[in-house]
Amino acid sequence: MNKLKLFFEDRAFGVCSRLGEKLHFPIDSIRLFFIYSSFITLGSPVIIYVSMAMMMKIRKYLRKMNNPVWFD
């Protein structure tokens, strides 16, 4: 079970951990919120989760492009 948990944590987007760091809120509570609200609302928080993950990836890409180390 521990290997399965590590597999998903390594390959996940990191949205819950990022929110937990920014809001100073326990990561487990945020994950439970997404899970329970997905069951209650038939998956609409999954759309929010994926959009937040995409925003994080785009921000990371833009920061990499604007890195001042890459002078020509």
PDB file of N, CA and C in Angstrom:
ATOM      1  N   MET A   1       0.831  -1.191   0.000  1.00  0.00           N
ATOM      2  CA  MET A   1       0.000   0.000   0.000  1.00  0.00           C
ATOM      3  C   MET A   1       0.874   1.253   0.000  1.00  0.00           C
ATOM      4  N   ASN A   2       1.984   1.185   0.705  1.00  0.00           N
ATOM      5  CA  ASN A   2       2.873   2.343   0.773  1.00  0.00           C
ATOM      6  C   ASN A   2       3.494   2.635  -0.595  1.00  0.00           C
ATOM      7  N   LYS A   3       3.818   1.577  -1.363  1.00  0.00           N
ATOM      8  CA  LYS A   3       4.372   1.778  -2.701  1.00  0.00           C
ATOM      9  C   LYS A   3       3.364   2.457  -3.618  1.00  0.00           C
ATOM     10  N   LEU A   4       2.110   2.086  -3.486  1.00  0.00           N
ATOM     11  CA  LEU A   4       1.060   2.705  -4.290  1.00  0.00           C
ATOM     12  C   LEU A   4       0.905   4.182  -3.944  1.00  0.00           C
ATOM     13  N   LYS A   5       0.960   4.491  -2.671  1.00  0.00           N
ATOM     14  CA  LYS A   5       0.860   5.886  -2.227  1.00  0.00           C
ATOM     15  C   LYS A   5       2.028   6.710  -2.760  1.00  0.00           C
ATOM     16  N   LEU A   6       3.231   6.174  -2.679  1.00  0.00           N
ATOM     17  CA  LEU A   6       4.402   6.892  -3.183  1.00  0.00           C
ATOM     18  C   LEU A   6       4.347   7.066  -4.700  1.00  0.00           C
ATOM     19  N   PHE A   7       3.818   6.062  -5.404  1.00  0.00           N
ATOM     20  CA  PHE A   7       3.681   6.155  -6.854  1.00  0.00           C
ATOM     21  C   PHE A   7       2.796   7.333  -7.240  1.00  0.00           C
ATOM     22  N   PHE A   8       1.641   7.448  -6.587  1.00  0.00           N
ATOM     23  CA  PHE A   8       0.721   8.533  -6.932  1.00  0.00           C
ATOM     24  C   PHE A   8       1.217   9.886  -6.462  1.00  0.00           C
ATOM     25  N   GLU A   9       1.919   9.941  -5.335  1.00  0.00           N
ATOM     26  CA  GLU A   9       2.441  11.215  -4.861  1.00  0.00           C
ATOM     27  C   GLU A   9       3.559  11.721  -5.758  1.00  0.00           C
ATOM     28  N   ASP A  10       4.370  10.827  -6.306  1.00  0.00           N
ATOM     29  CA  ASP A  10       5.450  11.243  -7.201  1.00  0.00           C
ATOM     30  C   ASP A  10       4.936  11.751  -8.535  1.00  0.00           C
ATOM     31  N   ARG A  11       3.847  11.159  -9.015  1.00  0.00           N
ATOM     32  CA  ARG A  11       3.345  11.505 -10.334  1.00  0.00           C
ATOM     33  C   ARG A  11       2.141  12.450 -10.321  1.00  0.00           C
ATOM     34  N   ALA A  12       1.728  12.876  -9.166  1.00  0.00           N
ATOM     35  CA  ALA A  12       0.596  13.800  -9.063  1.00  0.00           C
ATOM     36  C   ALA A  12       1.060  15.213  -9.418  1.00  0.00           C
ATOM     37  N   PHE A  13       0.112  16.070  -9.643  1.00  0.00           N
ATOM     38  CA  PHE A  13       0.427  17.439 -10.034  1.00  0.00           C
ATOM     39  C   PHE A  13       0.947  18.282  -8.880  1.00  0.00           C
ATOM     40  N   GLY A  14       0.597  17.948  -7.660  1.00  0.00           N
ATOM     41  CA  GLY A  14       1.056  18.720  -6.517  1.00  0.00           C
ATOM     42  C   GLY A  14       0.159  19.894  -6.177  1.00  0.00           C
ATOM     43  N   VAL A  15      -1.064  19.862  -6.643  1.00  0.00           N
ATOM     44  CA  VAL A  15      -1.983  20.969  -6.392  1.00  0.00           C
ATOM     45  C   VAL A  15      -2.328  21.054  -4.911  1.00  0.00           C
ATOM     46  N   CYS A  16      -2.637  19.936  -4.293  1.00  0.00           N
ATOM     47  CA  CYS A  16      -3.026  19.942  -2.889  1.00  0.00           C
ATOM     48  C   CYS A  16      -1.869  20.373  -1.992  1.00  0.00           C
ATOM     49  N   SER A  17      -0.670  19.902  -2.286  1.00  0.00           N
ATOM     50  CA  SER A  17       0.467  20.297  -1.465  1.00  0.00           C
ATOM     51  C   SER A  17       0.786  21.773  -1.644  1.00  0.00           C
ATOM     52  N   ARG A  18       0.638  22.271  -2.858  1.00  0.00           N
ATOM     53  CA  ARG A  18       0.895  23.697  -3.108  1.00  0.00           C
ATOM     54  C   ARG A  18      -0.138  24.569  -2.382  1.00  0.00           C
ATOM     55  N   LEU A  19      -1.403  24.155  -2.432  1.00  0.00           N
ATOM     56  CA  LEU A  19      -2.437  24.891  -1.711  1.00  0.00           C
ATOM     57  C   LEU A  19      -2.192  24.850  -0.209  1.00  0.00           C
ATOM     58  N   GLY A  20      -1.786  23.696   0.282  1.00  0.00           N
ATOM     59  CA  GLY A  20      -1.512  23.557   1.698  1.00  0.00           C
ATOM     60  C   GLY A  20      -0.374  24.442   2.164  1.00  0.00           C
ATOM     61  N   GLU A  21       0.665  24.560   1.337  1.00  0.00           N
ATOM     62  CA  GLU A  21       1.784  25.432   1.678  1.00  0.00           C
ATOM     63  C   GLU A  21       1.374  26.891   1.667  1.00  0.00           C
ATOM     64  N   LYS A  22       0.613  27.285   0.653  1.00  0.00           N
ATOM     65  CA  LYS A  22       0.209  28.693   0.526  1.00  0.00           C
ATOM     66  C   LYS A  22      -0.779  29.114   1.609  1.00  0.00           C
ATOM     67  N   LEU A  23      -1.725  28.235   1.929  1.00  0.00           N
ATOM     68  CA  LEU A  23      -2.780  28.588   2.880  1.00  0.00           C
ATOM     69  C   LEU A  23      -2.470  28.157   4.311  1.00  0.00           C
ATOM     70  N   HIS A  24      -1.334  27.504   4.515  1.00  0.00           N
ATOM     71  CA  HIS A  24      -0.960  26.974   5.839  1.00  0.00           C
ATOM     72  C   HIS A  24      -2.076  26.092   6.388  1.00  0.00           C
ATOM     73  N   PHE A  25      -2.471  25.133   5.561  1.00  0.00           N
ATOM     74  CA  PHE A  25      -3.575  24.234   5.869  1.00  0.00           C
ATOM     75  C   PHE A  25      -3.084  22.815   5.665  1.00  0.00           C
ATOM     76  N   PRO A  26      -3.540  21.844   6.461  1.00  0.00           N
ATOM     77  CA  PRO A  26      -3.065  20.467   6.290  1.00  0.00           C
ATOM     78  C   PRO A  26      -3.404  19.899   4.908  1.00  0.00           C
ATOM     79  N   ILE A  27      -2.427  19.265   4.292  1.00  0.00           N
ATOM     80  CA  ILE A  27      -2.585  18.735   2.939  1.00  0.00           C
ATOM     81  C   ILE A  27      -3.626  17.623   2.911  1.00  0.00           C
ATOM     82  N   ASP A  28      -3.647  16.809   3.946  1.00  0.00           N
ATOM     83  CA  ASP A  28      -4.619  15.714   3.985  1.00  0.00           C
ATOM     84  C   ASP A  28      -6.052  16.231   3.979  1.00  0.00           C
ATOM     85  N   SER A  29      -6.290  17.335   4.647  1.00  0.00           N
ATOM     86  CA  SER A  29      -7.637  17.914   4.668  1.00  0.00           C
ATOM     87  C   SER A  29      -8.050  18.419   3.286  1.00  0.00           C
ATOM     88  N   ILE A  30      -7.111  18.985   2.574  1.00  0.00           N
ATOM     89  CA  ILE A  30      -7.413  19.477   1.230  1.00  0.00           C
ATOM     90  C   ILE A  30      -7.707  18.310   0.295  1.00  0.00           C
ATOM     91  N   ARG A  31      -6.923  17.250   0.408  1.00  0.00           N
ATOM     92  CA  ARG A  31      -7.167  16.066  -0.427  1.00  0.00           C
ATOM     93  C   ARG A  31      -8.531  15.453  -0.123  1.00  0.00           C
ATOM     94  N   LEU A  32      -8.857  15.359   1.162  1.00  0.00           N
ATOM     95  CA  LEU A  32     -10.167  14.820   1.533  1.00  0.00           C
ATOM     96  C   LEU A  32     -11.295  15.699   1.012  1.00  0.00           C
ATOM     97  N   PHE A  33     -11.098  17.007   1.039  1.00  0.00           N
ATOM     98  CA  PHE A  33     -12.109  17.916   0.500  1.00  0.00           C
ATOM     99  C   PHE A  33     -12.356  17.632  -0.974  1.00  0.00           C
ATOM    100  N   PHE A  34     -11.285  17.488  -1.767  1.00  0.00           N
ATOM    101  CA  PHE A  34     -11.451  17.199  -3.188  1.00  0.00           C
ATOM    102  C   PHE A  34     -12.132  15.851  -3.405  1.00  0.00           C
ATOM    103  N   ILE A  35     -11.776  14.860  -2.610  1.00  0.00           N
ATOM    104  CA  ILE A  35     -12.375  13.534  -2.778  1.00  0.00           C
ATOM    105  C   ILE A  35     -13.852  13.551  -2.434  1.00  0.00           C
ATOM    106  N   TYR A  36     -14.190  14.071  -1.258  1.00  0.00           N
ATOM    107  CA  TYR A  36     -15.594  14.077  -0.836  1.00  0.00           C
ATOM    108  C   TYR A  36     -16.455  14.971  -1.710  1.00  0.00           C
ATOM    109  N   SER A  37     -15.944  16.132  -2.066  1.00  0.00           N
ATOM    110  CA  SER A  37     -16.748  17.019  -2.907  1.00  0.00           C
ATOM    111  C   SER A  37     -16.918  16.451  -4.315  1.00  0.00           C
ATOM    112  N   SER A  38     -15.962  15.660  -4.776  1.00  0.00           N
ATOM    113  CA  SER A  38     -16.114  15.014  -6.085  1.00  0.00           C
ATOM    114  C   SER A  38     -17.235  13.987  -6.060  1.00  0.00           C
ATOM    115  N   PHE A  39     -17.344  13.242  -4.958  1.00  0.00           N
ATOM    116  CA  PHE A  39     -18.434  12.271  -4.853  1.00  0.00           C
ATOM    117  C   PHE A  39     -19.783  12.960  -4.705  1.00  0.00           C
ATOM    118  N   ILE A  40     -19.832  14.038  -3.946  1.00  0.00           N
ATOM    119  CA  ILE A  40     -21.102  14.718  -3.694  1.00  0.00           C
ATOM    120  C   ILE A  40     -21.592  15.450  -4.944  1.00  0.00           C
ATOM    121  N   THR A  41     -20.685  16.122  -5.650  1.00  0.00           N
ATOM    122  CA  THR A  41     -21.099  16.944  -6.791  1.00  0.00           C
ATOM    123  C   THR A  41     -20.850  16.263  -8.135  1.00  0.00           C
ATOM    124  N   LEU A  42     -20.596  14.980  -8.121  1.00  0.00           N
ATOM    125  CA  LEU A  42     -20.425  14.183  -9.336  1.00  0.00           C
ATOM    126  C   LEU A  42     -19.260  14.649 -10.205  1.00  0.00           C
ATOM    127  N   GLY A  43     -18.159  15.028  -9.587  1.00  0.00           N
ATOM    128  CA  GLY A  43     -16.921  15.261 -10.317  1.00  0.00           C
ATOM    129  C   GLY A  43     -16.569  16.675 -10.688  1.00  0.00           C
ATOM    130  N   SER A  44     -17.357  17.665 -10.330  1.00  0.00           N
ATOM    131  CA  SER A  44     -17.017  19.025 -10.744  1.00  0.00           C
ATOM    132  C   SER A  44     -15.730  19.550 -10.091  1.00  0.00           C
ATOM    133  N   PRO A  45     -15.364  19.175  -8.861  1.00  0.00           N
ATOM    134  CA  PRO A  45     -14.073  19.626  -8.329  1.00  0.00           C
ATOM    135  C   PRO A  45     -12.874  19.052  -9.076  1.00  0.00           C
ATOM    136  N   VAL A  46     -13.074  17.964  -9.796  1.00  0.00           N
ATOM    137  CA  VAL A  46     -11.981  17.415 -10.603  1.00  0.00           C
ATOM    138  C   VAL A  46     -11.612  18.411 -11.697  1.00  0.00           C
ATOM    139  N   ILE A  47     -12.593  19.080 -12.247  1.00  0.00           N
ATOM    140  CA  ILE A  47     -12.338  20.105 -13.266  1.00  0.00           C
ATOM    141  C   ILE A  47     -11.540  21.251 -12.666  1.00  0.00           C
ATOM    142  N   ILE A  48     -11.882  21.657 -11.472  1.00  0.00           N
ATOM    143  CA  ILE A  48     -11.144  22.719 -10.776  1.00  0.00           C
ATOM    144  C   ILE A  48      -9.718  22.268 -10.510  1.00  0.00           C
ATOM    145  N   TYR A  49      -9.558  21.025 -10.056  1.00  0.00           N
ATOM    146  CA  TYR A  49      -8.223  20.485  -9.757  1.00  0.00           C
ATOM    147  C   TYR A  49      -7.349  20.468 -11.001  1.00  0.00           C
ATOM    148  N   VAL A  50      -7.887  19.989 -12.118  1.00  0.00           N
ATOM    149  CA  VAL A  50      -7.113  19.911 -13.356  1.00  0.00           C
ATOM    150  C   VAL A  50      -6.778  21.299 -13.878  1.00  0.00           C
ATOM    151  N   SER A  51      -7.707  22.240 -13.780  1.00  0.00           N
ATOM    152  CA  SER A  51      -7.416  23.602 -14.234  1.00  0.00           C
ATOM    153  C   SER A  51      -6.345  24.250 -13.375  1.00  0.00           C
ATOM    154  N   MET A  52      -6.360  23.991 -12.068  1.00  0.00           N
ATOM    155  CA  MET A  52      -5.310  24.521 -11.198  1.00  0.00           C
ATOM    156  C   MET A  52      -3.962  23.888 -11.529  1.00  0.00           C
ATOM    157  N   ALA A  53      -3.958  22.603 -11.851  1.00  0.00           N
ATOM    158  CA  ALA A  53      -2.719  21.927 -12.234  1.00  0.00           C
ATOM    159  C   ALA A  53      -2.169  22.511 -13.532  1.00  0.00           C
ATOM    160  N   MET A  54      -3.052  22.786 -14.481  1.00  0.00           N
ATOM    161  CA  MET A  54      -2.605  23.378 -15.739  1.00  0.00           C
ATOM    162  C   MET A  54      -2.039  24.772 -15.520  1.00  0.00           C
ATOM    163  N   MET A  55      -2.667  25.551 -14.651  1.00  0.00           N
ATOM    164  CA  MET A  55      -2.164  26.893 -14.353  1.00  0.00           C
ATOM    165  C   MET A  55      -0.779  26.828 -13.712  1.00  0.00           C
ATOM    166  N   MET A  56      -0.580  25.844 -12.828  1.00  0.00           N
ATOM    167  CA  MET A  56       0.723  25.692 -12.198  1.00  0.00           C
ATOM    168  C   MET A  56       1.794  25.341 -13.236  1.00  0.00           C
ATOM    169  N   LYS A  57       1.459  24.455 -14.172  1.00  0.00           N
ATOM    170  CA  LYS A  57       2.416  24.065 -15.213  1.00  0.00           C
ATOM    171  C   LYS A  57       2.736  25.239 -16.138  1.00  0.00           C
ATOM    172  N   ILE A  58       1.723  26.026 -16.485  1.00  0.00           N
ATOM    173  CA  ILE A  58       1.942  27.181 -17.359  1.00  0.00           C
ATOM    174  C   ILE A  58       2.805  28.220 -16.662  1.00  0.00           C
ATOM    175  N   ARG A  59       2.540  28.476 -15.377  1.00  0.00           N
ATOM    176  CA  ARG A  59       3.362  29.434 -14.629  1.00  0.00           C
ATOM    177  C   ARG A  59       4.812  28.971 -14.558  1.00  0.00           C
ATOM    178  N   LYS A  60       5.011  27.668 -14.333  1.00  0.00           N
ATOM    179  CA  LYS A  60       6.373  27.129 -14.273  1.00  0.00           C
ATOM    180  C   LYS A  60       7.065  27.279 -15.616  1.00  0.00           C
ATOM    181  N   TYR A  61       6.348  27.019 -16.696  1.00  0.00           N
ATOM    182  CA  TYR A  61       6.909  27.165 -18.043  1.00  0.00           C
ATOM    183  C   TYR A  61       7.268  28.620 -18.328  1.00  0.00           C
ATOM    184  N   LEU A  62       6.387  29.554 -17.970  1.00  0.00           N
ATOM    185  CA  LEU A  62       6.660  30.968 -18.216  1.00  0.00           C
ATOM    186  C   LEU A  62       7.831  31.470 -17.383  1.00  0.00           C
ATOM    187  N   ARG A  63       7.940  30.996 -16.162  1.00  0.00           N
ATOM    188  CA  ARG A  63       9.081  31.399 -15.335  1.00  0.00           C
ATOM    189  C   ARG A  63      10.379  30.870 -15.919  1.00  0.00           C
ATOM    190  N   LYS A  64      10.337  29.674 -16.484  1.00  0.00           N
ATOM    191  CA  LYS A  64      11.533  29.101 -17.090  1.00  0.00           C
ATOM    192  C   LYS A  64      11.939  29.911 -18.321  1.00  0.00           C
ATOM    193  N   MET A  65      10.953  30.383 -19.087  1.00  0.00           N
ATOM    194  CA  MET A  65      11.254  31.165 -20.289  1.00  0.00           C
ATOM    195  C   MET A  65      11.823  32.535 -19.940  1.00  0.00           C
ATOM    196  N   ASN A  66      11.385  33.133 -18.834  1.00  0.00           N
ATOM    197  CA  ASN A  66      11.827  34.469 -18.454  1.00  0.00           C
ATOM    198  C   ASN A  66      13.028  34.442 -17.520  1.00  0.00           C
ATOM    199  N   ASN A  67      13.734  33.332 -17.478  1.00  0.00           N
ATOM    200  CA  ASN A  67      14.894  33.199 -16.620  1.00  0.00           C
ATOM    201  C   ASN A  67      16.029  34.073 -17.151  1.00  0.00           C
ATOM    202  N   PRO A  68      16.587  34.966 -16.336  1.00  0.00           N
ATOM    203  CA  PRO A  68      17.641  35.868 -16.825  1.00  0.00           C
ATOM    204  C   PRO A  68      18.970  35.167 -17.060  1.00  0.00           C
ATOM    205  N   VAL A  69      19.088  33.896 -16.741  1.00  0.00           N
ATOM    206  CA  VAL A  69      20.328  33.184 -16.967  1.00  0.00           C
ATOM    207  C   VAL A  69      20.556  32.906 -18.442  1.00  0.00           C
ATOM    208  N   TRP A  70      19.488  32.804 -19.215  1.00  0.00           N
ATOM    209  CA  TRP A  70      19.570  32.446 -20.622  1.00  0.00           C
ATOM    210  C   TRP A  70      19.794  33.675 -21.511  1.00  0.00           C
ATOM    211  N   PHE A  71      20.902  34.357 -21.336  1.00  0.00           N
ATOM    212  CA  PHE A  71      21.231  35.494 -22.194  1.00  0.00           C
ATOM    213  C   PHE A  71      21.890  35.003 -23.462  1.00  0.00           C
ATOM    214  N   ASP A  72      21.631  35.668 -24.568  1.00  0.00           N
ATOM    215  CA  ASP A  72      22.264  35.306 -25.840  1.00  0.00           C
ATOM    216  C   ASP A  72      23.414  36.223 -26.150  1.00  0.00           C
TER     217      ASP A  72
END
